[in-house]
Protein backbone atom coordinates (compact mmCIF):
# COMPACT_ATOMS: atom_id res chain seq x y z
CA MET A 1 0.11 0.03 -0.04
CA MET A 2 1.12 3.67 -0.75
CA GLN A 3 2.23 5.80 1.61
CA ARG A 4 -0.97 8.96 2.30
CA PRO A 5 0.95 12.21 2.27
CA GLU A 6 0.55 14.29 5.10
CA VAL A 7 -1.54 17.01 4.72
CA THR A 8 -1.33 20.61 6.27
CA PHE A 9 -3.80 23.42 5.92
CA TYR A 10 -2.89 26.74 6.44
CA ILE A 11 -5.71 29.04 7.32
CA LEU A 12 -5.57 32.73 7.08
CA ASP A 13 -7.97 35.44 8.27
CA ASP A 14 -7.12 37.64 5.85
CA ALA A 15 -9.14 37.90 2.39
CA ALA A 16 -6.80 40.22 0.58
CA SER A 17 -5.99 38.90 -3.18
CA ASP A 18 -2.20 38.47 -2.25
CA ALA A 19 -2.22 37.20 1.03
CA ARG A 20 -2.45 33.63 0.81
CA LEU A 21 0.39 34.06 -2.17
CA LYS A 22 2.38 36.02 0.09
CA LEU A 23 2.10 33.04 2.78
CA ALA A 24 2.37 30.11 -0.07
CA CYS A 25 6.36 32.15 -0.60
CA ARG A 26 6.75 32.26 2.78
CA LEU A 27 5.89 28.28 2.77
CA VAL A 28 7.91 27.69 -0.55
CA ASP A 29 10.96 29.49 1.37
CA LYS A 30 10.88 27.18 4.37
CA ALA A 31 10.72 23.67 2.56
CA TYR A 32 13.61 24.79 0.12
CA ARG A 33 15.74 26.12 2.99
CA ALA A 34 15.19 22.49 4.22
CA GLY A 35 16.40 20.97 1.41
CA GLN A 36 13.22 19.73 0.06
CA ASN A 37 12.07 19.83 -3.46
CA VAL A 38 8.47 21.70 -3.94
CA LEU A 39 5.85 21.71 -6.35
CA VAL A 40 3.15 24.60 -6.44
CA TRP A 41 0.21 23.44 -8.13
CA HIS A 42 -2.45 25.67 -9.26
CA THR A 43 -5.35 25.65 -12.12
CA ASP A 44 -4.92 29.96 -12.14
CA ALA A 45 -2.31 30.73 -14.52
CA VAL A 46 -2.61 34.45 -14.01
CA GLU A 47 -2.56 34.42 -10.50
CA LEU A 48 0.59 31.56 -10.64
CA ALA A 49 2.19 34.20 -12.80
CA ALA A 50 1.80 36.73 -10.05
CA LEU A 51 3.24 33.93 -7.31
CA ASP A 52 6.35 33.59 -9.59
CA GLU A 53 7.00 37.06 -9.60
CA MET A 54 6.78 37.33 -5.87
CA LEU A 55 9.35 34.60 -5.45
CA TRP A 56 11.70 36.60 -7.80
CA THR A 57 11.95 39.32 -4.97
CA PHE A 58 10.59 37.24 -2.00
CA GLY A 59 14.59 36.16 -0.50
CA ASP A 60 14.81 39.40 0.53
CA ASP A 61 18.74 39.03 2.51
CA ARG A 62 18.54 35.10 2.29
CA GLY A 63 18.98 35.27 -1.37
CA PHE A 64 16.90 33.91 -4.40
CA ILE A 65 14.83 31.01 -4.12
CA PRO A 66 15.20 29.50 -7.43
CA HIS A 67 12.26 28.45 -8.99
CA GLU A 68 10.52 27.75 -12.72
CA LEU A 69 7.26 27.52 -14.36
CA VAL A 70 7.05 24.27 -15.90
CA ALA A 71 5.39 23.33 -19.16
CA PRO A 72 3.80 20.14 -20.13
CA GLY A 73 6.95 17.88 -21.59
CA ALA A 74 9.63 20.18 -20.74
CA ALA A 75 12.46 19.29 -18.57
CA ALA A 76 12.79 20.91 -15.22
CA GLU A 77 15.64 21.63 -13.12
CA ALA A 78 14.70 23.89 -10.04
CA PRO A 79 13.98 22.56 -6.44
CA VAL A 80 10.84 24.79 -6.66
CA LEU A 81 8.36 24.22 -9.88
CA LEU A 82 5.42 26.28 -10.11
CA THR A 83 2.42 24.49 -12.63
CA THR A 84 -1.12 24.52 -13.74
CA SER A 85 -0.56 21.05 -15.16
CA ALA A 86 2.94 19.57 -15.60
CA ALA A 87 4.15 17.50 -12.84
CA PRO A 88 7.93 15.77 -12.85
CA GLU A 89 8.26 12.05 -12.87
CA SER A 90 10.38 12.28 -9.87
CA GLY A 91 8.98 12.07 -6.21
CA ILE A 92 7.50 15.50 -4.67
CA ASP A 93 8.78 16.49 -1.16
CA VAL A 94 6.14 19.21 -0.98
CA LEU A 95 3.17 20.01 -2.69
CA ILE A 96 1.44 23.01 -2.47
CA ASN A 97 -1.91 23.16 -3.63
CA LEU A 98 -3.57 26.63 -4.93
CA ALA A 99 -5.91 25.15 -6.79
CA ALA A 100 -9.81 24.77 -5.93
CA ALA A 101 -9.67 20.82 -5.92
CA VAL A 102 -7.23 18.19 -4.88
CA PRO A 103 -4.71 17.67 -7.37
CA GLN A 104 -4.57 14.11 -8.87
CA ILE A 105 -0.63 14.14 -8.20
CA ALA A 106 -1.09 14.71 -4.41
CA GLU A 107 -0.78 10.77 -3.55
CA ARG A 108 2.81 11.43 -5.12
CA ALA A 109 3.62 13.62 -2.20
CA ALA A 110 5.25 13.08 0.90
CA ARG A 111 3.65 16.12 2.29
CA VAL A 112 0.71 18.50 0.54
CA ILE A 113 0.18 21.95 1.84
CA GLU A 114 -3.05 23.40 1.60
CA VAL A 115 -3.35 27.53 1.71
CA ILE A 116 -6.80 29.01 2.40
CA ASP A 117 -7.51 32.65 2.85
CA GLY A 118 -10.73 34.23 4.18
CA ASP A 119 -12.35 34.42 0.94
CA PRO A 120 -16.03 32.50 1.37
CA ALA A 121 -15.75 30.60 -2.24
CA ARG A 122 -12.21 29.19 -1.34
CA ARG A 123 -12.94 28.59 2.18
CA ALA A 124 -15.93 26.61 1.28
CA ALA A 125 -13.59 24.41 -1.55
CA GLY A 126 -11.16 24.24 1.12
CA ARG A 127 -13.71 22.26 3.15
CA ALA A 128 -14.35 20.03 0.66
CA ARG A 129 -10.74 19.45 0.07
CA PHE A 130 -10.34 18.66 3.92
CA LYS A 131 -13.20 15.89 3.54
CA ALA A 132 -11.76 14.22 0.13
CA TYR A 133 -8.29 14.31 1.78
CA ARG A 134 -10.29 12.22 4.56
CA GLU A 135 -12.18 9.99 2.26
CA ILE A 136 -8.62 8.93 0.63
CA GLY A 137 -7.44 8.22 4.16
CA CYS A 138 -5.30 11.03 4.91
CA GLU A 139 -5.69 13.02 8.55
CA PRO A 140 -5.42 16.60 7.56
CA VAL A 141 -4.31 19.28 10.02
CA SER A 142 -5.35 22.91 10.78
CA HIS A 143 -3.15 25.60 11.74
CA ASN A 144 -4.59 29.27 11.83
CA VAL A 145 -2.50 31.88 10.51
CA ARG A 146 -2.86 35.74 11.64
CA GLY A 147 -2.32 38.07 8.98
């Protein structure tokens, strides 16, 4: 039997449009600095491009976070990959899901991170994903994040 991923929901009270992207940057940075490969999954290419831009400047004094947007069929080398559809063949240490549904590749990840903000529609979709993870045998953990 395949090992189920560890699933963590980070729930923001902030509904600002960039709040969850800023938190996603912090989570990407933490996983990257811990030596883990990261895949950020999203179905919204515009919002993913905004995250890409944020990651270029996020590192502050700690330096750049090497990342790249991945296209289907393209080779990906960076330790942090951003995608709307393509997934690496190799294992995924950390999958950060920004999409409304559980990605099919979630079970290939050692850890799945869900980032939910104060937007009512995203909250509802997050509750549905929480239930979906339980249905595949995962026990999600939630953390409330201020600001």
